[in-house]
N, C-alpha and C. Protein backbone atom coordinates (compact mmCIF):
# COMPACT_ATOMS: atom_id res chain seq x y z
N ILE A 1 1.07 -0.95 -0.45
CA ILE A 1 0.04 -0.03 -0.63
C ILE A 1 0.95 1.21 0.16
N ASN A 2 2.35 1.49 0.75
CA ASN A 2 2.71 2.39 0.59
C ASN A 2 3.17 2.57 -0.79
N ILE A 3 3.71 1.77 -1.60
CA ILE A 3 4.52 1.82 -2.95
C ILE A 3 3.36 2.59 -3.56
N ILE A 4 2.09 2.42 -3.99
CA ILE A 4 0.65 2.90 -4.29
C ILE A 4 0.37 4.07 -3.75
N LYS A 5 0.87 4.37 -2.79
CA LYS A 5 0.65 6.16 -1.77
C LYS A 5 1.84 6.71 -2.79
N LYS A 6 2.99 6.20 -2.55
CA LYS A 6 3.91 7.23 -2.86
C LYS A 6 3.90 7.12 -4.27
N LYS A 7 4.34 5.97 -5.18
CA LYS A 7 4.65 5.87 -6.22
C LYS A 7 3.51 5.83 -7.24
N GLY A 8 2.26 4.97 -7.09
CA GLY A 8 1.17 5.30 -7.93
C GLY A 8 0.86 3.42 -7.86
N MET A 9 -0.37 3.61 -8.73
CA MET A 9 -0.56 2.06 -8.74
C MET A 9 0.12 1.18 -10.32
N ASP A 10 0.58 2.22 -11.56
CA ASP A 10 1.33 1.76 -12.51
C ASP A 10 3.05 1.41 -12.01
N ALA A 11 3.37 1.64 -10.53
CA ALA A 11 4.63 1.41 -10.28
C ALA A 11 4.72 0.60 -9.63
N LEU A 12 3.65 -0.23 -8.67
CA LEU A 12 2.70 -1.60 -8.15
C LEU A 12 2.82 -2.38 -9.17
N VAL A 13 2.33 -2.04 -10.37
CA VAL A 13 2.29 -3.11 -11.40
C VAL A 13 3.67 -3.74 -12.18
N ALA A 14 4.57 -2.27 -12.79
CA ALA A 14 5.63 -2.66 -13.31
C ALA A 14 6.90 -3.60 -12.22
N MET A 15 6.52 -3.13 -11.05
CA MET A 15 7.87 -3.72 -10.00
C MET A 15 7.06 -5.15 -10.09
N ALA A 16 5.43 -5.34 -10.18
CA ALA A 16 4.87 -6.94 -9.85
C ALA A 16 5.33 -8.15 -11.18
N LYS A 17 5.40 -7.04 -12.08
CA LYS A 17 5.58 -7.63 -13.22
C LYS A 17 6.71 -7.80 -13.69
N GLU A 18 8.03 -7.19 -13.17
CA GLU A 18 9.57 -7.99 -13.27
C GLU A 18 9.64 -8.80 -12.42
N SER A 19 8.80 -8.56 -10.99
CA SER A 19 9.50 -10.09 -10.14
C SER A 19 8.76 -11.65 -10.42
N MET A 20 7.46 -11.46 -11.26
CA MET A 20 6.46 -12.48 -11.41
C MET A 20 7.68 -13.77 -12.58
N PRO A 21 6.55 -14.42 -12.50
CA PRO A 21 7.42 -15.77 -14.25
C PRO A 21 6.28 -15.06 -14.55
N GLU A 22 6.53 -15.79 -16.20
CA GLU A 22 6.06 -15.62 -17.11
C GLU A 22 4.55 -16.26 -17.38
N ASP A 23 4.68 -17.61 -16.19
CA ASP A 23 3.57 -18.83 -16.61
C ASP A 23 2.57 -18.17 -15.29
N MET A 24 2.89 -17.29 -14.28
CA MET A 24 1.86 -16.46 -13.48
C MET A 24 1.09 -15.15 -13.74
N LYS A 25 1.66 -14.73 -15.25
CA LYS A 25 0.67 -13.38 -15.03
C LYS A 25 -0.46 -13.36 -15.81
N ALA A 26 -0.96 -14.63 -16.36
CA ALA A 26 -2.58 -14.86 -16.48
C ALA A 26 -3.28 -14.91 -15.68
N THR A 27 -2.43 -15.45 -14.08
CA THR A 27 -2.95 -16.03 -13.01
C THR A 27 -3.04 -14.81 -12.26
N ALA A 28 -2.24 -13.82 -12.26
CA ALA A 28 -2.41 -12.89 -11.44
C ALA A 28 -3.66 -11.90 -11.98
N PHE A 29 -3.62 -11.87 -13.46
CA PHE A 29 -5.03 -10.93 -14.17
C PHE A 29 -6.10 -11.06 -13.63
N ALA A 30 -6.36 -13.00 -13.55
CA ALA A 30 -7.25 -13.51 -12.94
C ALA A 30 -7.71 -12.99 -11.77
N VAL A 31 -6.70 -13.02 -10.71
CA VAL A 31 -7.12 -12.06 -9.49
C VAL A 31 -7.14 -10.97 -9.21
N ALA A 32 -6.71 -10.26 -10.14
CA ALA A 32 -6.78 -8.74 -10.14
C ALA A 32 -8.56 -8.33 -10.91
N THR A 33 -8.82 -8.99 -11.47
CA THR A 33 -9.97 -9.21 -12.38
C THR A 33 -11.24 -9.94 -10.98
N ASP A 34 -10.84 -10.98 -10.29
CA ASP A 34 -11.71 -11.27 -9.04
C ASP A 34 -11.79 -10.39 -8.22
N LEU A 35 -10.71 -9.82 -8.08
CA LEU A 35 -11.06 -8.58 -6.92
C LEU A 35 -11.89 -7.40 -7.19
N ALA A 36 -11.99 -7.14 -8.59
CA ALA A 36 -12.55 -5.83 -8.91
C ALA A 36 -14.14 -6.63 -8.95
N LEU A 37 -14.17 -7.48 -9.37
CA LEU A 37 -16.29 -8.34 -9.98
C LEU A 37 -16.11 -8.77 -8.32
N ALA A 38 -15.39 -8.25 -7.05
CA ALA A 38 -16.00 -8.83 -5.94
C ALA A 38 -17.55 -8.45 -5.57
N ASP A 39 -17.88 -7.06 -6.52
CA ASP A 39 -19.14 -6.36 -5.95
C ASP A 39 -20.28 -6.94 -7.30
N GLY A 40 -19.61 -8.01 -8.02
CA GLY A 40 -20.81 -7.97 -8.69
C GLY A 40 -19.93 -7.50 -10.27
N GLU A 41 -19.88 -6.34 -10.78
CA GLU A 41 -19.74 -5.41 -11.05
C GLU A 41 -18.54 -5.21 -11.49
N ILE A 42 -18.13 -4.03 -12.50
CA ILE A 42 -17.24 -3.47 -12.35
C ILE A 42 -16.83 -1.94 -12.77
N ALA A 43 -16.30 -1.39 -11.87
CA ALA A 43 -16.84 0.25 -11.98
C ALA A 43 -16.24 0.91 -13.41
N ASP A 44 -15.77 1.98 -14.07
CA ASP A 44 -14.93 2.12 -15.03
C ASP A 44 -13.23 2.86 -14.72
N GLU A 45 -13.42 2.74 -13.47
CA GLU A 45 -12.26 2.87 -12.82
C GLU A 45 -11.49 1.41 -13.05
N GLU A 46 -12.38 0.66 -12.33
CA GLU A 46 -11.52 -0.98 -12.28
C GLU A 46 -11.63 -1.22 -13.18
N LYS A 47 -12.36 -0.94 -14.24
CA LYS A 47 -11.82 -1.38 -16.16
C LYS A 47 -10.67 -0.61 -16.55
N ASN A 48 -10.54 0.42 -15.94
CA ASN A 48 -9.82 1.19 -16.76
C ASN A 48 -7.94 0.25 -15.96
N LEU A 49 -8.16 0.03 -14.76
CA LEU A 49 -6.84 -0.42 -13.93
C LEU A 49 -6.70 -1.93 -14.25
N LEU A 50 -7.49 -2.78 -14.72
CA LEU A 50 -7.67 -4.32 -15.02
C LEU A 50 -6.89 -3.79 -16.88
N THR A 51 -7.60 -2.89 -17.62
CA THR A 51 -6.78 -2.68 -18.93
C THR A 51 -5.09 -2.60 -19.21
N LYS A 52 -4.78 -1.61 -17.86
CA LYS A 52 -3.64 -1.17 -17.90
C LYS A 52 -2.21 -2.82 -17.13
N VAL A 53 -3.35 -3.54 -16.35
CA VAL A 53 -2.76 -4.48 -15.70
C VAL A 53 -2.41 -5.85 -17.13
N GLN A 54 -3.27 -5.64 -17.41
CA GLN A 54 -3.91 -6.80 -19.06
C GLN A 54 -2.75 -6.76 -19.79
N GLN A 55 -1.94 -5.05 -20.26
CA GLN A 55 -1.42 -4.76 -21.36
C GLN A 55 0.09 -4.98 -20.12
N SER A 56 0.15 -4.20 -18.99
CA SER A 56 1.25 -4.20 -18.41
C SER A 56 1.66 -5.64 -18.12
N LEU A 57 1.23 -6.74 -18.20
CA LEU A 57 1.62 -8.18 -17.61
C LEU A 57 1.82 -8.99 -18.75
N GLY A 58 1.04 -8.25 -20.38
CA GLY A 58 1.20 -8.96 -21.17
C GLY A 58 0.40 -9.78 -21.68
N VAL A 59 -0.24 -9.91 -20.90
CA VAL A 59 -1.94 -10.82 -21.53
C VAL A 59 -2.72 -10.69 -22.73
N PRO A 60 -2.40 -11.99 -23.13
CA PRO A 60 -3.38 -11.31 -24.73
C PRO A 60 -4.76 -11.33 -24.41
N GLU A 61 -5.25 -9.84 -25.58
CA GLU A 61 -6.31 -9.74 -25.02
C GLU A 61 -7.84 -10.74 -25.64
N ASP A 62 -7.41 -11.69 -25.86
CA ASP A 62 -8.26 -12.83 -25.90
C ASP A 62 -8.32 -13.71 -24.72
N GLU A 63 -6.97 -13.90 -24.37
CA GLU A 63 -7.02 -14.60 -22.77
C GLU A 63 -7.74 -13.74 -22.34
N ALA A 64 -7.52 -12.72 -21.80
CA ALA A 64 -8.18 -11.73 -20.91
C ALA A 64 -10.06 -11.75 -21.10
N VAL A 65 -10.52 -11.29 -22.37
CA VAL A 65 -11.27 -11.58 -22.29
C VAL A 65 -12.18 -13.15 -21.60
N LYS A 66 -11.58 -14.08 -21.82
CA LYS A 66 -11.67 -15.30 -21.33
C LYS A 66 -12.07 -15.85 -19.58
N ILE A 67 -10.51 -15.02 -18.99
CA ILE A 67 -10.31 -14.53 -18.07
C ILE A 67 -11.60 -13.91 -16.97
N ILE A 68 -12.01 -12.54 -17.76
CA ILE A 68 -13.28 -11.45 -16.98
C ILE A 68 -14.76 -12.87 -17.14
N GLU A 69 -14.71 -13.50 -18.65
CA GLU A 69 -15.90 -14.09 -18.58
C GLU A 69 -16.16 -15.06 -17.79
N VAL A 70 -15.50 -16.12 -17.41
CA VAL A 70 -14.91 -16.49 -16.14
C VAL A 70 -15.39 -16.06 -14.94
N MET A 71 -14.68 -14.87 -14.59
CA MET A 71 -14.51 -14.38 -13.31
C MET A 71 -16.62 -14.12 -12.81
N LEU A 72 -17.22 -13.09 -14.30
CA LEU A 72 -18.45 -12.73 -14.00
C LEU A 72 -19.20 -14.10 -13.52
N ILE A 73 -19.05 -15.23 -14.49
CA ILE A 73 -19.91 -16.37 -13.89
C ILE A 73 -19.78 -17.17 -12.25
N LYS A 74 -18.27 -16.66 -12.30
CA LYS A 74 -18.07 -17.32 -10.66
C LYS A 74 -18.62 -16.45 -9.62
N ASN A 75 -18.71 -14.69 -10.22
CA ASN A 75 -18.74 -13.84 -9.16
C ASN A 75 -20.51 -13.34 -9.18
N LYS A 76 -21.00 -14.13 -9.77
CA LYS A 76 -22.63 -13.75 -10.35
C LYS A 76 -23.63 -14.19 -9.56
N GLY A 77 -24.46 -13.31 -9.09
CA GLY A 77 -25.19 -13.80 -7.60
C GLY A 77 -25.05 -13.21 -6.46
């Protein structure tokens, strides 16, 4: 949280990207999506953040869409 306060969310995502194994990047995006959907919907600010995370981590768009679809089903209801 201190990193976010001092350097911003982009810095946190960049640091995470550098220390994360390649095979965990889609998983990290899925976790971020799951958190954003905790209330059952994605607000515009959350959508923008998820787009930044997806692009920063290099998760292909088609894979990101599948992850979002699955998380929407998971968090429905």
